[in-house]
Amino acid sequence: MNNNKVQNPKVEVPQTKEMNDSDYLTAQLSCEKNMSVDMCYALNEASCETLYDALFPLFQEIKDMQRKLYELSFAKGWYSLEKAESSKIIEKYNSLSSKLEELI
């Protein structure tokens, strides 16, 4: 296993022409992410408070579902993350700290 990856043990699924559980989960996760982006546009463009108030709970549900699907995919080992090098983290922190100081 790559030492730069953070991943759970992979649950094996059949590799056939038909979609498997991993494929379905990946497709649904992608769909939820896209709906989240679209909902952000809708919230930003809401013409009145009533419309915004009606859309915002739907946005929260979409984000919650997207998170649950991500967590399930990660738990099954079908989604992995890369470890960041300590030097990169420190570099980014310093960069953001400098920008924050400029704003204060």
PDB file of N, CA and C in Angstrom:
ATOM      1  N   MET A   1       0.846  -1.192   0.000  1.00  0.00           N
ATOM      2  CA  MET A   1       0.000   0.000   0.000  1.00  0.00           C
ATOM      3  C   MET A   1       0.879   1.240   0.000  1.00  0.00           C
ATOM      4  N   ASN A   2       0.483   2.234  -0.740  1.00  0.00           N
ATOM      5  CA  ASN A   2       1.189   3.495  -0.828  1.00  0.00           C
ATOM      6  C   ASN A   2       1.156   4.189   0.535  1.00  0.00           C
ATOM      7  N   ASN A   3       2.327   4.560   1.067  1.00  0.00           N
ATOM      8  CA  ASN A   3       2.408   5.201   2.386  1.00  0.00           C
ATOM      9  C   ASN A   3       1.855   6.618   2.369  1.00  0.00           C
ATOM     10  N   ASN A   4       1.611   7.157   1.186  1.00  0.00           N
ATOM     11  CA  ASN A   4       1.090   8.505   1.077  1.00  0.00           C
ATOM     12  C   ASN A   4      -0.438   8.517   1.041  1.00  0.00           C
ATOM     13  N   LYS A   5      -1.065   7.350   1.095  1.00  0.00           N
ATOM     14  CA  LYS A   5      -2.521   7.226   1.010  1.00  0.00           C
ATOM     15  C   LYS A   5      -3.116   6.950   2.386  1.00  0.00           C
ATOM     16  N   VAL A   6      -4.300   7.513   2.607  1.00  0.00           N
ATOM     17  CA  VAL A   6      -5.098   7.204   3.786  1.00  0.00           C
ATOM     18  C   VAL A   6      -6.335   6.511   3.247  1.00  0.00           C
ATOM     19  N   GLN A   7      -6.479   5.226   3.610  1.00  0.00           N
ATOM     20  CA  GLN A   7      -7.569   4.442   3.031  1.00  0.00           C
ATOM     21  C   GLN A   7      -7.887   3.268   3.933  1.00  0.00           C
ATOM     22  N   ASN A   8      -9.162   2.927   4.004  1.00  0.00           N
ATOM     23  CA  ASN A   8      -9.585   1.730   4.714  1.00  0.00           C
ATOM     24  C   ASN A   8      -9.386   0.523   3.819  1.00  0.00           C
ATOM     25  N   PRO A   9      -9.397  -0.687   4.403  1.00  0.00           N
ATOM     26  CA  PRO A   9      -9.319  -1.883   3.559  1.00  0.00           C
ATOM     27  C   PRO A   9     -10.470  -1.885   2.557  1.00  0.00           C
ATOM     28  N   LYS A  10     -10.146  -2.211   1.330  1.00  0.00           N
ATOM     29  CA  LYS A  10     -11.125  -2.148   0.247  1.00  0.00           C
ATOM     30  C   LYS A  10     -12.062  -3.349   0.280  1.00  0.00           C
ATOM     31  N   VAL A  11     -13.363  -3.068   0.221  1.00  0.00           N
ATOM     32  CA  VAL A  11     -14.361  -4.117   0.078  1.00  0.00           C
ATOM     33  C   VAL A  11     -14.403  -4.466  -1.406  1.00  0.00           C
ATOM     34  N   GLU A  12     -14.112  -5.704  -1.716  1.00  0.00           N
ATOM     35  CA  GLU A  12     -14.067  -6.121  -3.118  1.00  0.00           C
ATOM     36  C   GLU A  12     -15.472  -6.231  -3.690  1.00  0.00           C
ATOM     37  N   VAL A  13     -15.606  -5.816  -4.934  1.00  0.00           N
ATOM     38  CA  VAL A  13     -16.866  -5.907  -5.667  1.00  0.00           C
ATOM     39  C   VAL A  13     -16.574  -6.555  -7.016  1.00  0.00           C
ATOM     40  N   PRO A  14     -17.563  -7.202  -7.620  1.00  0.00           N
ATOM     41  CA  PRO A  14     -17.343  -7.844  -8.918  1.00  0.00           C
ATOM     42  C   PRO A  14     -16.945  -6.815  -9.980  1.00  0.00           C
ATOM     43  N   GLN A  15     -15.969  -7.169 -10.784  1.00  0.00           N
ATOM     44  CA  GLN A  15     -15.521  -6.299 -11.866  1.00  0.00           C
ATOM     45  C   GLN A  15     -16.110  -6.837 -13.177  1.00  0.00           C
ATOM     46  N   THR A  16     -17.315  -6.395 -13.475  1.00  0.00           N
ATOM     47  CA  THR A  16     -18.005  -6.823 -14.687  1.00  0.00           C
ATOM     48  C   THR A  16     -18.474  -5.593 -15.447  1.00  0.00           C
ATOM     49  N   LYS A  17     -19.156  -5.824 -16.568  1.00  0.00           N
ATOM     50  CA  LYS A  17     -19.707  -4.714 -17.342  1.00  0.00           C
ATOM     51  C   LYS A  17     -20.847  -4.024 -16.603  1.00  0.00           C
ATOM     52  N   GLU A  18     -21.554  -4.781 -15.760  1.00  0.00           N
ATOM     53  CA  GLU A  18     -22.650  -4.214 -14.993  1.00  0.00           C
ATOM     54  C   GLU A  18     -22.099  -3.370 -13.840  1.00  0.00           C
ATOM     55  N   MET A  19     -22.899  -2.397 -13.442  1.00  0.00           N
ATOM     56  CA  MET A  19     -22.486  -1.556 -12.316  1.00  0.00           C
ATOM     57  C   MET A  19     -22.514  -2.375 -11.028  1.00  0.00           C
ATOM     58  N   ASN A  20     -21.529  -2.118 -10.168  1.00  0.00           N
ATOM     59  CA  ASN A  20     -21.482  -2.774  -8.862  1.00  0.00           C
ATOM     60  C   ASN A  20     -21.774  -1.737  -7.778  1.00  0.00           C
ATOM     61  N   ASP A  21     -21.731  -2.150  -6.530  1.00  0.00           N
ATOM     62  CA  ASP A  21     -22.046  -1.247  -5.419  1.00  0.00           C
ATOM     63  C   ASP A  21     -21.137  -0.012  -5.405  1.00  0.00           C
ATOM     64  N   SER A  22     -19.868  -0.222  -5.690  1.00  0.00           N
ATOM     65  CA  SER A  22     -18.927   0.891  -5.718  1.00  0.00           C
ATOM     66  C   SER A  22     -19.306   1.885  -6.822  1.00  0.00           C
ATOM     67  N   ASP A  23     -19.664   1.375  -7.982  1.00  0.00           N
ATOM     68  CA  ASP A  23     -20.064   2.242  -9.097  1.00  0.00           C
ATOM     69  C   ASP A  23     -21.307   3.055  -8.748  1.00  0.00           C
ATOM     70  N   TYR A  24     -22.301   2.387  -8.166  1.00  0.00           N
ATOM     71  CA  TYR A  24     -23.531   3.084  -7.787  1.00  0.00           C
ATOM     72  C   TYR A  24     -23.256   4.164  -6.745  1.00  0.00           C
ATOM     73  N   LEU A  25     -22.435   3.837  -5.763  1.00  0.00           N
ATOM     74  CA  LEU A  25     -22.123   4.802  -4.708  1.00  0.00           C
ATOM     75  C   LEU A  25     -21.350   5.986  -5.277  1.00  0.00           C
ATOM     76  N   THR A  26     -20.403   5.720  -6.147  1.00  0.00           N
ATOM     77  CA  THR A  26     -19.629   6.791  -6.775  1.00  0.00           C
ATOM     78  C   THR A  26     -20.525   7.693  -7.615  1.00  0.00           C
ATOM     79  N   ALA A  27     -21.441   7.096  -8.357  1.00  0.00           N
ATOM     80  CA  ALA A  27     -22.367   7.883  -9.181  1.00  0.00           C
ATOM     81  C   ALA A  27     -23.264   8.748  -8.314  1.00  0.00           C
ATOM     82  N   GLN A  28     -23.768   8.189  -7.229  1.00  0.00           N
ATOM     83  CA  GLN A  28     -24.650   8.964  -6.342  1.00  0.00           C
ATOM     84  C   GLN A  28     -23.881  10.076  -5.643  1.00  0.00           C
ATOM     85  N   LEU A  29     -22.653   9.794  -5.220  1.00  0.00           N
ATOM     86  CA  LEU A  29     -21.830  10.816  -4.574  1.00  0.00           C
ATOM     87  C   LEU A  29     -21.571  11.964  -5.545  1.00  0.00           C
ATOM     88  N   SER A  30     -21.270  11.650  -6.777  1.00  0.00           N
ATOM     89  CA  SER A  30     -21.042  12.672  -7.799  1.00  0.00           C
ATOM     90  C   SER A  30     -22.305  13.500  -8.022  1.00  0.00           C
ATOM     91  N   CYS A  31     -23.428  12.846  -8.063  1.00  0.00           N
ATOM     92  CA  CYS A  31     -24.715  13.527  -8.238  1.00  0.00           C
ATOM     93  C   CYS A  31     -24.981  14.493  -7.080  1.00  0.00           C
ATOM     94  N   GLU A  32     -24.750  14.036  -5.858  1.00  0.00           N
ATOM     95  CA  GLU A  32     -24.972  14.890  -4.685  1.00  0.00           C
ATOM     96  C   GLU A  32     -24.041  16.099  -4.702  1.00  0.00           C
ATOM     97  N   LYS A  33     -22.794  15.896  -5.100  1.00  0.00           N
ATOM     98  CA  LYS A  33     -21.852  17.014  -5.177  1.00  0.00           C
ATOM     99  C   LYS A  33     -22.333  18.039  -6.197  1.00  0.00           C
ATOM    100  N   ASN A  34     -22.791  17.572  -7.354  1.00  0.00           N
ATOM    101  CA  ASN A  34     -23.282  18.483  -8.388  1.00  0.00           C
ATOM    102  C   ASN A  34     -24.541  19.213  -7.939  1.00  0.00           C
ATOM    103  N   MET A  35     -25.448  18.500  -7.259  1.00  0.00           N
ATOM    104  CA  MET A  35     -26.656  19.154  -6.754  1.00  0.00           C
ATOM    105  C   MET A  35     -26.300  20.214  -5.719  1.00  0.00           C
ATOM    106  N   SER A  36     -25.273  19.963  -4.934  1.00  0.00           N
ATOM    107  CA  SER A  36     -24.831  20.925  -3.926  1.00  0.00           C
ATOM    108  C   SER A  36     -24.360  22.216  -4.591  1.00  0.00           C
ATOM    109  N   VAL A  37     -23.583  22.084  -5.645  1.00  0.00           N
ATOM    110  CA  VAL A  37     -23.100  23.261  -6.380  1.00  0.00           C
ATOM    111  C   VAL A  37     -24.281  24.017  -6.983  1.00  0.00           C
ATOM    112  N   ASP A  38     -25.186  23.288  -7.604  1.00  0.00           N
ATOM    113  CA  ASP A  38     -26.363  23.928  -8.196  1.00  0.00           C
ATOM    114  C   ASP A  38     -27.203  24.636  -7.137  1.00  0.00           C
ATOM    115  N   MET A  39     -27.339  24.014  -5.983  1.00  0.00           N
ATOM    116  CA  MET A  39     -28.132  24.619  -4.915  1.00  0.00           C
ATOM    117  C   MET A  39     -27.453  25.892  -4.387  1.00  0.00           C
ATOM    118  N   CYS A  40     -26.136  25.914  -4.381  1.00  0.00           N
ATOM    119  CA  CYS A  40     -25.426  27.143  -3.984  1.00  0.00           C
ATOM    120  C   CYS A  40     -25.786  28.290  -4.920  1.00  0.00           C
ATOM    121  N   TYR A  41     -25.819  27.998  -6.214  1.00  0.00           N
ATOM    122  CA  TYR A  41     -26.224  29.028  -7.179  1.00  0.00           C
ATOM    123  C   TYR A  41     -27.651  29.484  -6.896  1.00  0.00           C
ATOM    124  N   ALA A  42     -28.536  28.539  -6.646  1.00  0.00           N
ATOM    125  CA  ALA A  42     -29.936  28.882  -6.373  1.00  0.00           C
ATOM    126  C   ALA A  42     -30.041  29.760  -5.129  1.00  0.00           C
ATOM    127  N   LEU A  43     -29.301  29.431  -4.086  1.00  0.00           N
ATOM    128  CA  LEU A  43     -29.336  30.245  -2.864  1.00  0.00           C
ATOM    129  C   LEU A  43     -28.775  31.643  -3.114  1.00  0.00           C
ATOM    130  N   ASN A  44     -27.690  31.705  -3.865  1.00  0.00           N
ATOM    131  CA  ASN A  44     -27.094  33.013  -4.166  1.00  0.00           C
ATOM    132  C   ASN A  44     -28.017  33.885  -5.008  1.00  0.00           C
ATOM    133  N   GLU A  45     -28.806  33.263  -5.844  1.00  0.00           N
ATOM    134  CA  GLU A  45     -29.678  34.007  -6.754  1.00  0.00           C
ATOM    135  C   GLU A  45     -31.115  34.124  -6.250  1.00  0.00           C
ATOM    136  N   ALA A  46     -31.413  33.598  -5.071  1.00  0.00           N
ATOM    137  CA  ALA A  46     -32.788  33.650  -4.556  1.00  0.00           C
ATOM    138  C   ALA A  46     -33.263  35.099  -4.529  1.00  0.00           C
ATOM    139  N   SER A  47     -34.415  35.322  -5.106  1.00  0.00           N
ATOM    140  CA  SER A  47     -34.909  36.692  -5.283  1.00  0.00           C
ATOM    141  C   SER A  47     -35.540  37.285  -4.029  1.00  0.00           C
ATOM    142  N   CYS A  48     -35.869  36.441  -3.064  1.00  0.00           N
ATOM    143  CA  CYS A  48     -36.477  36.967  -1.841  1.00  0.00           C
ATOM    144  C   CYS A  48     -36.174  36.025  -0.670  1.00  0.00           C
ATOM    145  N   GLU A  49     -36.384  36.523   0.502  1.00  0.00           N
ATOM    146  CA  GLU A  49     -36.092  35.760   1.723  1.00  0.00           C
ATOM    147  C   GLU A  49     -36.938  34.489   1.813  1.00  0.00           C
ATOM    148  N   THR A  50     -38.185  34.561   1.369  1.00  0.00           N
ATOM    149  CA  THR A  50     -39.077  33.401   1.426  1.00  0.00           C
ATOM    150  C   THR A  50     -38.530  32.253   0.584  1.00  0.00           C
ATOM    151  N   LEU A  51     -38.070  32.574  -0.611  1.00  0.00           N
ATOM    152  CA  LEU A  51     -37.486  31.545  -1.483  1.00  0.00           C
ATOM    153  C   LEU A  51     -36.202  30.992  -0.869  1.00  0.00           C
ATOM    154  N   TYR A  52     -35.357  31.871  -0.363  1.00  0.00           N
ATOM    155  CA  TYR A  52     -34.114  31.449   0.287  1.00  0.00           C
ATOM    156  C   TYR A  52     -34.411  30.512   1.451  1.00  0.00           C
ATOM    157  N   ASP A  53     -35.369  30.899   2.282  1.00  0.00           N
ATOM    158  CA  ASP A  53     -35.734  30.084   3.448  1.00  0.00           C
ATOM    159  C   ASP A  53     -36.297  28.727   3.048  1.00  0.00           C
ATOM    160  N   ALA A  54     -36.937  28.645   1.896  1.00  0.00           N
ATOM    161  CA  ALA A  54     -37.469  27.368   1.410  1.00  0.00           C
ATOM    162  C   ALA A  54     -36.352  26.479   0.853  1.00  0.00           C
ATOM    163  N   LEU A  55     -35.348  27.095   0.235  1.00  0.00           N
ATOM    164  CA  LEU A  55     -34.271  26.328  -0.391  1.00  0.00           C
ATOM    165  C   LEU A  55     -33.198  25.869   0.593  1.00  0.00           C
ATOM    166  N   PHE A  56     -32.938  26.679   1.607  1.00  0.00           N
ATOM    167  CA  PHE A  56     -31.803  26.384   2.487  1.00  0.00           C
ATOM    168  C   PHE A  56     -31.901  25.024   3.184  1.00  0.00           C
ATOM    169  N   PRO A  57     -33.065  24.618   3.707  1.00  0.00           N
ATOM    170  CA  PRO A  57     -33.141  23.285   4.315  1.00  0.00           C
ATOM    171  C   PRO A  57     -32.866  22.155   3.300  1.00  0.00           C
ATOM    172  N   LEU A  58     -33.251  22.363   2.054  1.00  0.00           N
ATOM    173  CA  LEU A  58     -32.954  21.375   1.016  1.00  0.00           C
ATOM    174  C   LEU A  58     -31.445  21.283   0.779  1.00  0.00           C
ATOM    175  N   PHE A  59     -30.797  22.446   0.771  1.00  0.00           N
ATOM    176  CA  PHE A  59     -29.340  22.483   0.626  1.00  0.00           C
ATOM    177  C   PHE A  59     -28.667  21.708   1.760  1.00  0.00           C
ATOM    178  N   GLN A  60     -29.137  21.926   2.982  1.00  0.00           N
ATOM    179  CA  GLN A  60     -28.563  21.209   4.128  1.00  0.00           C
ATOM    180  C   GLN A  60     -28.748  19.699   3.982  1.00  0.00           C
ATOM    181  N   GLU A  61     -29.905  19.262   3.523  1.00  0.00           N
ATOM    182  CA  GLU A  61     -30.142  17.829   3.316  1.00  0.00           C
ATOM    183  C   GLU A  61     -29.195  17.255   2.269  1.00  0.00           C
ATOM    184  N   ILE A  62     -28.996  18.007   1.198  1.00  0.00           N
ATOM    185  CA  ILE A  62     -28.084  17.558   0.142  1.00  0.00           C
ATOM    186  C   ILE A  62     -26.668  17.427   0.691  1.00  0.00           C
ATOM    187  N   LYS A  63     -26.218  18.433   1.448  1.00  0.00           N
ATOM    188  CA  LYS A  63     -24.864  18.387   2.016  1.00  0.00           C
ATOM    189  C   LYS A  63     -24.724  17.240   3.014  1.00  0.00           C
ATOM    190  N   ASP A  64     -25.745  17.018   3.830  1.00  0.00           N
ATOM    191  CA  ASP A  64     -25.704  15.907   4.784  1.00  0.00           C
ATOM    192  C   ASP A  64     -25.620  14.562   4.060  1.00  0.00           C
ATOM    193  N   MET A  65     -26.407  14.397   2.995  1.00  0.00           N
ATOM    194  CA  MET A  65     -26.387  13.148   2.235  1.00  0.00           C
ATOM    195  C   MET A  65     -25.042  12.964   1.536  1.00  0.00           C
ATOM    196  N   GLN A  66     -24.517  14.042   1.001  1.00  0.00           N
ATOM    197  CA  GLN A  66     -23.206  13.957   0.345  1.00  0.00           C
ATOM    198  C   GLN A  66     -22.147  13.503   1.344  1.00  0.00           C
ATOM    199  N   ARG A  67     -22.201  14.031   2.550  1.00  0.00           N
ATOM    200  CA  ARG A  67     -21.224  13.650   3.578  1.00  0.00           C
ATOM    201  C   ARG A  67     -21.373  12.185   3.972  1.00  0.00           C
ATOM    202  N   LYS A  68     -22.615  11.733   4.133  1.00  0.00           N
ATOM    203  CA  LYS A  68     -22.860  10.329   4.493  1.00  0.00           C
ATOM    204  C   LYS A  68     -22.370   9.389   3.396  1.00  0.00           C
ATOM    205  N   LEU A  69     -22.603   9.757   2.144  1.00  0.00           N
ATOM    206  CA  LEU A  69     -22.138   8.921   1.028  1.00  0.00           C
ATOM    207  C   LEU A  69     -20.611   8.886   0.980  1.00  0.00           C
ATOM    208  N   TYR A  70     -19.978  10.035   1.207  1.00  0.00           N
ATOM    209  CA  TYR A  70     -18.517  10.070   1.254  1.00  0.00           C
ATOM    210  C   TYR A  70     -17.997   9.166   2.377  1.00  0.00           C
ATOM    211  N   GLU A  71     -18.587   9.291   3.565  1.00  0.00           N
ATOM    212  CA  GLU A  71     -18.134   8.485   4.706  1.00  0.00           C
ATOM    213  C   GLU A  71     -18.314   6.993   4.434  1.00  0.00           C
ATOM    214  N   LEU A  72     -19.419   6.617   3.794  1.00  0.00           N
ATOM    215  CA  LEU A  72     -19.641   5.206   3.456  1.00  0.00           C
ATOM    216  C   LEU A  72     -18.612   4.735   2.434  1.00  0.00           C
ATOM    217  N   SER A  73     -18.373   5.532   1.427  1.00  0.00           N
ATOM    218  CA  SER A  73     -17.391   5.179   0.409  1.00  0.00           C
ATOM    219  C   SER A  73     -15.996   5.044   1.014  1.00  0.00           C
ATOM    220  N   PHE A  74     -15.642   5.955   1.910  1.00  0.00           N
ATOM    221  CA  PHE A  74     -14.337   5.888   2.575  1.00  0.00           C
ATOM    222  C   PHE A  74     -14.255   4.647   3.464  1.00  0.00           C
ATOM    223  N   ALA A  75     -15.326   4.354   4.187  1.00  0.00           N
ATOM    224  CA  ALA A  75     -15.345   3.179   5.073  1.00  0.00           C
ATOM    225  C   ALA A  75     -15.186   1.880   4.287  1.00  0.00           C
ATOM    226  N   LYS A  76     -15.718   1.846   3.078  1.00  0.00           N
ATOM    227  CA  LYS A  76     -15.627   0.645   2.232  1.00  0.00           C
ATOM    228  C   LYS A  76     -14.274   0.545   1.522  1.00  0.00           C
ATOM    229  N   GLY A  77     -13.459   1.585   1.652  1.00  0.00           N
ATOM    230  CA  GLY A  77     -12.152   1.570   1.005  1.00  0.00           C
ATOM    231  C   GLY A  77     -12.197   1.968  -0.461  1.00  0.00           C
ATOM    232  N   TRP A  78     -13.312   2.529  -0.882  1.00  0.00           N
ATOM    233  CA  TRP A  78     -13.474   2.918  -2.288  1.00  0.00           C
ATOM    234  C   TRP A  78     -13.097   4.368  -2.530  1.00  0.00           C
ATOM    235  N   TYR A  79     -12.744   5.078  -1.493  1.00  0.00           N
ATOM    236  CA  TYR A  79     -12.348   6.489  -1.574  1.00  0.00           C
ATOM    237  C   TYR A  79     -11.104   6.629  -0.726  1.00  0.00           C
ATOM    238  N   SER A  80     -10.067   7.211  -1.275  1.00  0.00           N
ATOM    239  CA  SER A  80      -8.839   7.377  -0.504  1.00  0.00           C
ATOM    240  C   SER A  80      -8.421   8.846  -0.491  1.00  0.00           C
ATOM    241  N   LEU A  81      -7.598   9.169   0.465  1.00  0.00           N
ATOM    242  CA  LEU A  81      -7.058  10.514   0.610  1.00  0.00           C
ATOM    243  C   LEU A  81      -5.544  10.430   0.551  1.00  0.00           C
ATOM    244  N   GLU A  82      -4.923  11.530   0.212  1.00  0.00           N
ATOM    245  CA  GLU A  82      -3.462  11.575   0.227  1.00  0.00           C
ATOM    246  C   GLU A  82      -3.002  12.367   1.440  1.00  0.00           C
ATOM    247  N   LYS A  83      -1.981  11.842   2.102  1.00  0.00           N
ATOM    248  CA  LYS A  83      -1.397  12.565   3.229  1.00  0.00           C
ATOM    249  C   LYS A  83      -0.649  13.778   2.692  1.00  0.00           C
ATOM    250  N   ALA A  84      -0.783  14.868   3.395  1.00  0.00           N
ATOM    251  CA  ALA A  84      -0.050  16.073   3.028  1.00  0.00           C
ATOM    252  C   ALA A  84       1.287  16.056   3.755  1.00  0.00           C
ATOM    253  N   GLU A  85       2.307  16.491   3.065  1.00  0.00           N
ATOM    254  CA  GLU A  85       3.628  16.581   3.688  1.00  0.00           C
ATOM    255  C   GLU A  85       3.601  17.700   4.729  1.00  0.00           C
ATOM    256  N   SER A  86       4.295  17.486   5.824  1.00  0.00           N
ATOM    257  CA  SER A  86       4.324  18.486   6.903  1.00  0.00           C
ATOM    258  C   SER A  86       4.781  19.840   6.393  1.00  0.00           C
ATOM    259  N   SER A  87       5.766  19.844   5.515  1.00  0.00           N
ATOM    260  CA  SER A  87       6.281  21.113   4.996  1.00  0.00           C
ATOM    261  C   SER A  87       5.210  21.853   4.197  1.00  0.00           C
ATOM    262  N   LYS A  88       4.373  21.122   3.461  1.00  0.00           N
ATOM    263  CA  LYS A  88       3.292  21.742   2.683  1.00  0.00           C
ATOM    264  C   LYS A  88       2.236  22.337   3.608  1.00  0.00           C
ATOM    265  N   ILE A  89       1.939  21.636   4.689  1.00  0.00           N
ATOM    266  CA  ILE A  89       0.952  22.134   5.652  1.00  0.00           C
ATOM    267  C   ILE A  89       1.463  23.414   6.297  1.00  0.00           C
ATOM    268  N   ILE A  90       2.710  23.415   6.716  1.00  0.00           N
ATOM    269  CA  ILE A  90       3.310  24.593   7.348  1.00  0.00           C
ATOM    270  C   ILE A  90       3.361  25.753   6.357  1.00  0.00           C
ATOM    271  N   GLU A  91       3.716  25.455   5.118  1.00  0.00           N
ATOM    272  CA  GLU A  91       3.777  26.488   4.081  1.00  0.00           C
ATOM    273  C   GLU A  91       2.393  27.125   3.862  1.00  0.00           C
ATOM    274  N   LYS A  92       1.375  26.308   3.770  1.00  0.00           N
ATOM    275  CA  LYS A  92       0.011  26.817   3.566  1.00  0.00           C
ATOM    276  C   LYS A  92      -0.451  27.613   4.784  1.00  0.00           C
ATOM    277  N   TYR A  93      -0.178  27.115   5.966  1.00  0.00           N
ATOM    278  CA  TYR A  93      -0.541  27.813   7.200  1.00  0.00           C
ATOM    279  C   TYR A  93       0.102  29.199   7.239  1.00  0.00           C
ATOM    280  N   ASN A  94       1.398  29.262   6.930  1.00  0.00           N
ATOM    281  CA  ASN A  94       2.107  30.542   6.949  1.00  0.00           C
ATOM    282  C   ASN A  94       1.535  31.507   5.913  1.00  0.00           C
ATOM    283  N   SER A  95       1.209  30.985   4.755  1.00  0.00           N
ATOM    284  CA  SER A  95       0.630  31.810   3.695  1.00  0.00           C
ATOM    285  C   SER A  95      -0.718  32.393   4.130  1.00  0.00           C
ATOM    286  N   LEU A  96      -1.567  31.553   4.698  1.00  0.00           N
ATOM    287  CA  LEU A  96      -2.872  32.031   5.146  1.00  0.00           C
ATOM    288  C   LEU A  96      -2.756  32.965   6.329  1.00  0.00           C
ATOM    289  N   SER A  97      -1.813  32.706   7.208  1.00  0.00           N
ATOM    290  CA  SER A  97      -1.583  33.595   8.363  1.00  0.00           C
ATOM    291  C   SER A  97      -1.162  34.987   7.887  1.00  0.00           C
ATOM    292  N   SER A  98      -0.315  35.021   6.872  1.00  0.00           N
ATOM    293  CA  SER A  98       0.126  36.319   6.321  1.00  0.00           C
ATOM    294  C   SER A  98      -1.053  37.081   5.726  1.00  0.00           C
ATOM    295  N   LYS A  99      -1.903  36.369   5.003  1.00  0.00           N
ATOM    296  CA  LYS A  99      -3.079  37.021   4.405  1.00  0.00           C
ATOM    297  C   LYS A  99      -4.015  37.545   5.488  1.00  0.00           C
ATOM    298  N   LEU A 100      -4.166  36.769   6.551  1.00  0.00           N
ATOM    299  CA  LEU A 100      -5.021  37.194   7.663  1.00  0.00           C
ATOM    300  C   LEU A 100      -4.465  38.451   8.310  1.00  0.00           C
ATOM    301  N   GLU A 101      -3.159  38.485   8.507  1.00  0.00           N
ATOM    302  CA  GLU A 101      -2.516  39.671   9.115  1.00  0.00           C
ATOM    303  C   GLU A 101      -2.737  40.917   8.256  1.00  0.00           C
ATOM    304  N   GLU A 102      -2.737  40.739   6.938  1.00  0.00           N
ATOM    305  CA  GLU A 102      -2.974  41.871   6.038  1.00  0.00           C
ATOM    306  C   GLU A 102      -4.387  42.424   6.211  1.00  0.00           C
ATOM    307  N   LEU A 103      -5.326  41.553   6.550  1.00  0.00           N
ATOM    308  CA  LEU A 103      -6.707  41.977   6.695  1.00  0.00           C
ATOM    309  C   LEU A 103      -7.004  42.632   8.028  1.00  0.00           C
ATOM    310  N   ILE A 104      -6.159  42.366   9.006  1.00  0.00           N
ATOM    311  CA  ILE A 104      -6.401  42.903  10.350  1.00  0.00           C
ATOM    312  C   ILE A 104      -5.886  44.308  10.490  1.00  0.00           C
TER     313      ILE A 104
END
